[in-house]
Amino acid sequence: QEQLVESGGGLVQPGGSLRLSCAASGMIFSRRTWGWYRQGLGKQRELIAYVGNIPIYVDSFVKGRFVISRDNAKNMVYLEMSDLKPEDPGVYYCITATELGIQWGQGTQVTVSS
């Protein structure tokens, strides 16, 4: 059974940093494309970035502040977030693309507040 488990969310002050992690199991990790979505309060889920062979940042607001990476040896996906802003909070979801569609993790909450 395929499973995605996020961790690393929490409360951080504006300008602070967090590293989100996604542990994947039950699939051939190296063959998949991986990404992160964010869902702000009252908003739809938005794709932030994804990584196949190279990282792609879809949300221009995070360019230069967020870094997506993958570790094929550990079956892990990361989102390093720095200089967090009041616009960044939400539930962050790890995703992978499958033949049947997008598979989601349960999400991890990020709060930015002073």
N, C-alpha and C. Protein backbone atom coordinates (compact mmCIF):
# COMPACT_ATOMS: atom_id res chain seq x y z
N GLN A 1 0.85 -1.19 0.00
CA GLN A 1 0.00 0.00 0.00
C GLN A 1 0.89 1.25 0.00
N GLU A 2 0.59 2.15 -0.92
CA GLU A 2 1.37 3.37 -1.00
C GLU A 2 0.99 4.32 0.12
N GLN A 3 2.00 4.98 0.65
CA GLN A 3 1.76 5.89 1.77
C GLN A 3 2.72 7.07 1.71
N LEU A 4 2.18 8.26 1.98
CA LEU A 4 2.97 9.48 2.06
C LEU A 4 2.71 10.09 3.43
N VAL A 5 3.76 10.38 4.17
CA VAL A 5 3.61 10.93 5.51
C VAL A 5 4.47 12.18 5.64
N GLU A 6 3.80 13.32 5.85
CA GLU A 6 4.51 14.58 6.00
C GLU A 6 4.84 14.85 7.46
N SER A 7 5.86 15.63 7.67
CA SER A 7 6.23 16.09 9.01
C SER A 7 7.01 17.39 8.89
N GLY A 8 7.20 18.04 10.02
CA GLY A 8 8.03 19.24 10.04
C GLY A 8 7.30 20.55 10.11
N GLY A 9 5.98 20.52 10.05
CA GLY A 9 5.24 21.76 10.16
C GLY A 9 5.27 22.30 11.58
N GLY A 10 4.79 23.52 11.74
CA GLY A 10 4.75 24.11 13.06
C GLY A 10 4.55 25.60 13.00
N LEU A 11 4.80 26.24 14.12
CA LEU A 11 4.66 27.69 14.26
C LEU A 11 6.03 28.33 14.13
N VAL A 12 6.11 29.34 13.29
CA VAL A 12 7.37 30.03 13.08
C VAL A 12 7.10 31.52 12.95
N GLN A 13 8.04 32.32 13.36
CA GLN A 13 7.89 33.76 13.23
C GLN A 13 8.17 34.20 11.79
N PRO A 14 7.61 35.33 11.39
CA PRO A 14 7.94 35.86 10.06
C PRO A 14 9.45 35.99 9.89
N GLY A 15 9.93 35.57 8.74
CA GLY A 15 11.36 35.56 8.49
C GLY A 15 12.05 34.28 8.89
N GLY A 16 11.32 33.41 9.56
CA GLY A 16 11.90 32.16 10.03
C GLY A 16 11.94 31.08 8.96
N SER A 17 12.39 29.90 9.37
CA SER A 17 12.56 28.79 8.44
C SER A 17 11.96 27.51 8.99
N LEU A 18 11.57 26.65 8.08
CA LEU A 18 11.10 25.31 8.41
C LEU A 18 11.54 24.36 7.31
N ARG A 19 11.71 23.12 7.68
CA ARG A 19 11.94 22.09 6.68
C ARG A 19 10.85 21.04 6.80
N LEU A 20 10.08 20.90 5.74
CA LEU A 20 9.06 19.87 5.69
C LEU A 20 9.66 18.61 5.06
N SER A 21 9.24 17.48 5.59
CA SER A 21 9.70 16.20 5.08
C SER A 21 8.51 15.34 4.69
N CYS A 22 8.71 14.50 3.71
CA CYS A 22 7.69 13.55 3.28
C CYS A 22 8.33 12.19 3.13
N ALA A 23 7.87 11.25 3.92
CA ALA A 23 8.37 9.88 3.86
C ALA A 23 7.41 9.05 3.01
N ALA A 24 7.94 8.44 1.97
CA ALA A 24 7.11 7.68 1.05
C ALA A 24 7.42 6.19 1.16
N SER A 25 6.40 5.39 0.98
CA SER A 25 6.60 3.95 1.03
C SER A 25 5.57 3.27 0.14
N GLY A 26 5.90 2.05 -0.27
CA GLY A 26 4.97 1.25 -1.04
C GLY A 26 5.02 1.46 -2.53
N MET A 27 6.01 2.21 -3.01
CA MET A 27 6.13 2.40 -4.45
C MET A 27 7.61 2.48 -4.82
N ILE A 28 7.88 2.47 -6.12
CA ILE A 28 9.25 2.66 -6.57
C ILE A 28 9.48 4.16 -6.62
N PHE A 29 10.05 4.66 -5.57
CA PHE A 29 10.15 6.10 -5.34
C PHE A 29 10.86 6.82 -6.49
N SER A 30 11.94 6.25 -6.95
CA SER A 30 12.79 6.95 -7.91
C SER A 30 12.11 7.18 -9.25
N ARG A 31 11.04 6.46 -9.52
CA ARG A 31 10.36 6.58 -10.81
C ARG A 31 9.27 7.65 -10.79
N ARG A 32 9.02 8.21 -9.63
CA ARG A 32 7.91 9.14 -9.50
C ARG A 32 8.37 10.60 -9.51
N THR A 33 7.44 11.44 -9.92
CA THR A 33 7.59 12.87 -9.73
C THR A 33 6.91 13.24 -8.41
N TRP A 34 7.54 14.13 -7.67
CA TRP A 34 7.06 14.48 -6.33
C TRP A 34 6.84 15.99 -6.23
N GLY A 35 5.88 16.37 -5.41
CA GLY A 35 5.60 17.79 -5.29
C GLY A 35 5.01 18.16 -3.94
N TRP A 36 4.86 19.46 -3.79
CA TRP A 36 4.22 20.02 -2.59
C TRP A 36 3.12 20.98 -3.01
N TYR A 37 1.97 20.80 -2.35
CA TYR A 37 0.86 21.73 -2.48
C TYR A 37 0.68 22.46 -1.15
N ARG A 38 0.06 23.61 -1.23
CA ARG A 38 -0.34 24.35 -0.03
C ARG A 38 -1.82 24.69 -0.14
N GLN A 39 -2.50 24.58 0.99
CA GLN A 39 -3.89 25.03 1.07
C GLN A 39 -4.01 26.02 2.19
N GLY A 40 -4.15 27.29 1.82
CA GLY A 40 -4.37 28.33 2.82
C GLY A 40 -5.79 28.30 3.33
N LEU A 41 -6.03 28.97 4.43
CA LEU A 41 -7.36 28.99 5.04
C LEU A 41 -8.39 29.58 4.07
N GLY A 42 -9.40 28.82 3.78
CA GLY A 42 -10.44 29.28 2.87
C GLY A 42 -10.05 29.31 1.41
N LYS A 43 -8.93 28.70 1.08
CA LYS A 43 -8.44 28.73 -0.30
C LYS A 43 -8.34 27.32 -0.87
N GLN A 44 -8.21 27.26 -2.18
CA GLN A 44 -7.99 25.97 -2.82
C GLN A 44 -6.53 25.55 -2.69
N ARG A 45 -6.31 24.30 -2.87
CA ARG A 45 -4.94 23.79 -2.86
C ARG A 45 -4.20 24.31 -4.09
N GLU A 46 -2.96 24.73 -3.85
CA GLU A 46 -2.15 25.29 -4.93
C GLU A 46 -0.83 24.53 -4.99
N LEU A 47 -0.41 24.24 -6.20
CA LEU A 47 0.88 23.58 -6.39
C LEU A 47 1.99 24.60 -6.19
N ILE A 48 2.93 24.25 -5.33
CA ILE A 48 4.05 25.14 -5.07
C ILE A 48 5.24 24.79 -5.94
N ALA A 49 5.61 23.52 -5.91
CA ALA A 49 6.79 23.07 -6.64
C ALA A 49 6.72 21.56 -6.82
N TYR A 50 7.45 21.07 -7.81
CA TYR A 50 7.55 19.63 -7.99
C TYR A 50 8.95 19.31 -8.50
N VAL A 51 9.32 18.06 -8.35
CA VAL A 51 10.65 17.64 -8.78
C VAL A 51 10.58 16.26 -9.41
N GLY A 52 11.08 16.19 -10.62
CA GLY A 52 11.31 14.92 -11.27
C GLY A 52 12.82 14.75 -11.29
N ASN A 53 13.41 15.04 -12.43
CA ASN A 53 14.87 15.09 -12.49
C ASN A 53 15.41 16.45 -12.03
N ILE A 54 14.61 17.49 -12.21
CA ILE A 54 15.00 18.83 -11.78
C ILE A 54 13.83 19.47 -11.05
N PRO A 55 14.09 20.41 -10.18
CA PRO A 55 12.99 21.08 -9.48
C PRO A 55 12.34 22.16 -10.33
N ILE A 56 11.05 22.25 -10.20
CA ILE A 56 10.28 23.27 -10.89
C ILE A 56 9.45 24.02 -9.85
N TYR A 57 9.55 25.33 -9.84
CA TYR A 57 8.80 26.15 -8.89
C TYR A 57 7.65 26.81 -9.63
N VAL A 58 6.45 26.37 -9.30
CA VAL A 58 5.25 26.85 -9.97
C VAL A 58 4.80 28.18 -9.38
N ASP A 59 4.90 28.29 -8.07
CA ASP A 59 4.47 29.50 -7.38
C ASP A 59 5.64 30.49 -7.37
N SER A 60 5.50 31.56 -8.13
CA SER A 60 6.60 32.52 -8.24
C SER A 60 6.92 33.19 -6.91
N PHE A 61 5.95 33.22 -6.02
CA PHE A 61 6.14 33.89 -4.73
C PHE A 61 7.15 33.17 -3.86
N VAL A 62 7.38 31.89 -4.11
CA VAL A 62 8.31 31.14 -3.27
C VAL A 62 9.70 31.02 -3.87
N LYS A 63 9.85 31.44 -5.11
CA LYS A 63 11.16 31.35 -5.74
C LYS A 63 12.20 32.13 -4.96
N GLY A 64 13.31 31.48 -4.73
CA GLY A 64 14.38 32.10 -3.95
C GLY A 64 14.23 31.91 -2.46
N ARG A 65 13.06 31.43 -2.03
CA ARG A 65 12.84 31.22 -0.59
C ARG A 65 12.64 29.74 -0.25
N PHE A 66 12.02 29.01 -1.15
CA PHE A 66 11.74 27.59 -0.91
C PHE A 66 12.62 26.75 -1.84
N VAL A 67 13.02 25.60 -1.31
CA VAL A 67 13.80 24.65 -2.11
C VAL A 67 13.20 23.27 -1.96
N ILE A 68 12.83 22.67 -3.09
CA ILE A 68 12.31 21.31 -3.07
C ILE A 68 13.45 20.37 -3.45
N SER A 69 13.50 19.23 -2.78
CA SER A 69 14.54 18.26 -3.10
C SER A 69 14.02 16.86 -2.81
N ARG A 70 14.72 15.89 -3.33
CA ARG A 70 14.35 14.49 -3.12
C ARG A 70 15.59 13.68 -2.82
N ASP A 71 15.41 12.63 -2.05
CA ASP A 71 16.48 11.70 -1.74
C ASP A 71 15.99 10.31 -2.12
N ASN A 72 16.42 9.85 -3.28
CA ASN A 72 15.94 8.56 -3.77
C ASN A 72 16.41 7.40 -2.90
N ALA A 73 17.53 7.56 -2.23
CA ALA A 73 18.05 6.48 -1.38
C ALA A 73 17.21 6.32 -0.12
N LYS A 74 16.62 7.42 0.34
CA LYS A 74 15.85 7.39 1.58
C LYS A 74 14.34 7.43 1.35
N ASN A 75 13.92 7.55 0.09
CA ASN A 75 12.49 7.69 -0.23
C ASN A 75 11.89 8.90 0.48
N MET A 76 12.60 10.01 0.38
CA MET A 76 12.17 11.22 1.08
C MET A 76 12.09 12.41 0.11
N VAL A 77 11.14 13.27 0.38
CA VAL A 77 11.00 14.54 -0.34
C VAL A 77 11.02 15.64 0.71
N TYR A 78 11.67 16.74 0.37
CA TYR A 78 11.81 17.83 1.33
C TYR A 78 11.35 19.14 0.72
N LEU A 79 10.91 20.02 1.60
CA LEU A 79 10.65 21.40 1.20
C LEU A 79 11.29 22.29 2.25
N GLU A 80 12.41 22.89 1.87
CA GLU A 80 13.09 23.82 2.75
C GLU A 80 12.50 25.19 2.53
N MET A 81 11.95 25.78 3.60
CA MET A 81 11.28 27.06 3.49
C MET A 81 12.03 28.08 4.34
N SER A 82 12.38 29.18 3.75
CA SER A 82 13.08 30.22 4.48
C SER A 82 12.39 31.55 4.24
N ASP A 83 12.72 32.54 5.09
CA ASP A 83 12.11 33.86 4.99
C ASP A 83 10.59 33.75 4.89
N LEU A 84 10.02 32.97 5.78
CA LEU A 84 8.57 32.75 5.73
C LEU A 84 7.81 34.03 5.96
N LYS A 85 6.74 34.17 5.22
CA LYS A 85 5.95 35.40 5.22
C LYS A 85 4.53 35.11 5.66
N PRO A 86 3.79 36.16 6.02
CA PRO A 86 2.40 35.96 6.46
C PRO A 86 1.53 35.31 5.39
N GLU A 87 1.96 35.34 4.13
CA GLU A 87 1.18 34.72 3.05
C GLU A 87 1.45 33.23 2.90
N ASP A 88 2.42 32.69 3.63
CA ASP A 88 2.81 31.30 3.46
C ASP A 88 2.04 30.27 4.29
N PRO A 89 1.33 30.64 5.33
CA PRO A 89 0.69 29.62 6.16
C PRO A 89 -0.33 28.77 5.43
N GLY A 90 -0.53 27.59 5.96
CA GLY A 90 -1.52 26.68 5.41
C GLY A 90 -1.15 25.26 5.72
N VAL A 91 -1.92 24.37 5.17
CA VAL A 91 -1.60 22.95 5.25
C VAL A 91 -0.80 22.59 4.01
N TYR A 92 0.35 22.00 4.22
CA TYR A 92 1.23 21.63 3.12
C TYR A 92 1.11 20.12 2.90
N TYR A 93 0.88 19.78 1.64
CA TYR A 93 0.68 18.39 1.27
C TYR A 93 1.79 17.91 0.34
N CYS A 94 2.29 16.75 0.64
CA CYS A 94 3.19 16.05 -0.26
C CYS A 94 2.35 15.26 -1.26
N ILE A 95 2.74 15.27 -2.52
CA ILE A 95 1.98 14.55 -3.52
C ILE A 95 2.92 13.82 -4.47
N THR A 96 2.35 12.80 -5.11
CA THR A 96 3.04 12.13 -6.18
C THR A 96 2.04 11.81 -7.28
N ALA A 97 2.53 11.82 -8.49
CA ALA A 97 1.66 11.54 -9.63
C ALA A 97 1.67 10.05 -9.92
N THR A 98 0.50 9.47 -10.06
CA THR A 98 0.37 8.07 -10.39
C THR A 98 -0.46 7.93 -11.66
N GLU A 99 -0.58 6.71 -12.16
CA GLU A 99 -1.40 6.48 -13.36
C GLU A 99 -2.86 6.79 -13.08
N LEU A 100 -3.26 6.72 -11.83
CA LEU A 100 -4.66 6.93 -11.46
C LEU A 100 -4.93 8.37 -11.01
N GLY A 101 -3.90 9.17 -10.97
CA GLY A 101 -4.08 10.56 -10.55
C GLY A 101 -3.07 10.94 -9.49
N ILE A 102 -3.37 11.99 -8.74
CA ILE A 102 -2.47 12.47 -7.71
C ILE A 102 -2.77 11.77 -6.40
N GLN A 103 -1.71 11.32 -5.76
CA GLN A 103 -1.85 10.73 -4.43
C GLN A 103 -1.36 11.75 -3.42
N TRP A 104 -2.13 11.89 -2.32
CA TRP A 104 -1.87 12.94 -1.33
C TRP A 104 -1.45 12.34 0.01
N GLY A 105 -0.59 13.09 0.70
CA GLY A 105 -0.36 12.79 2.09
C GLY A 105 -1.46 13.43 2.94
N GLN A 106 -1.31 13.32 4.26
CA GLN A 106 -2.36 13.85 5.15
C GLN A 106 -2.19 15.33 5.43
N GLY A 107 -1.01 15.87 5.09
CA GLY A 107 -0.75 17.29 5.27
C GLY A 107 -0.08 17.60 6.59
N THR A 108 0.61 18.73 6.60
CA THR A 108 1.24 19.23 7.82
C THR A 108 1.01 20.74 7.87
N GLN A 109 0.65 21.23 9.04
CA GLN A 109 0.24 22.62 9.20
C GLN A 109 1.46 23.52 9.41
N VAL A 110 1.47 24.61 8.67
CA VAL A 110 2.50 25.64 8.85
C VAL A 110 1.80 26.93 9.25
N THR A 111 2.25 27.50 10.34
CA THR A 111 1.69 28.76 10.84
C THR A 111 2.82 29.78 10.95
N VAL A 112 2.57 30.95 10.43
CA VAL A 112 3.56 32.03 10.50
C VAL A 112 2.95 33.17 11.30
N SER A 113 3.52 33.42 12.46
CA SER A 113 2.95 34.44 13.32
C SER A 113 4.00 34.93 14.29
N SER A 114 3.91 36.20 14.63
CA SER A 114 4.81 36.74 15.63
C SER A 114 4.15 36.72 17.01
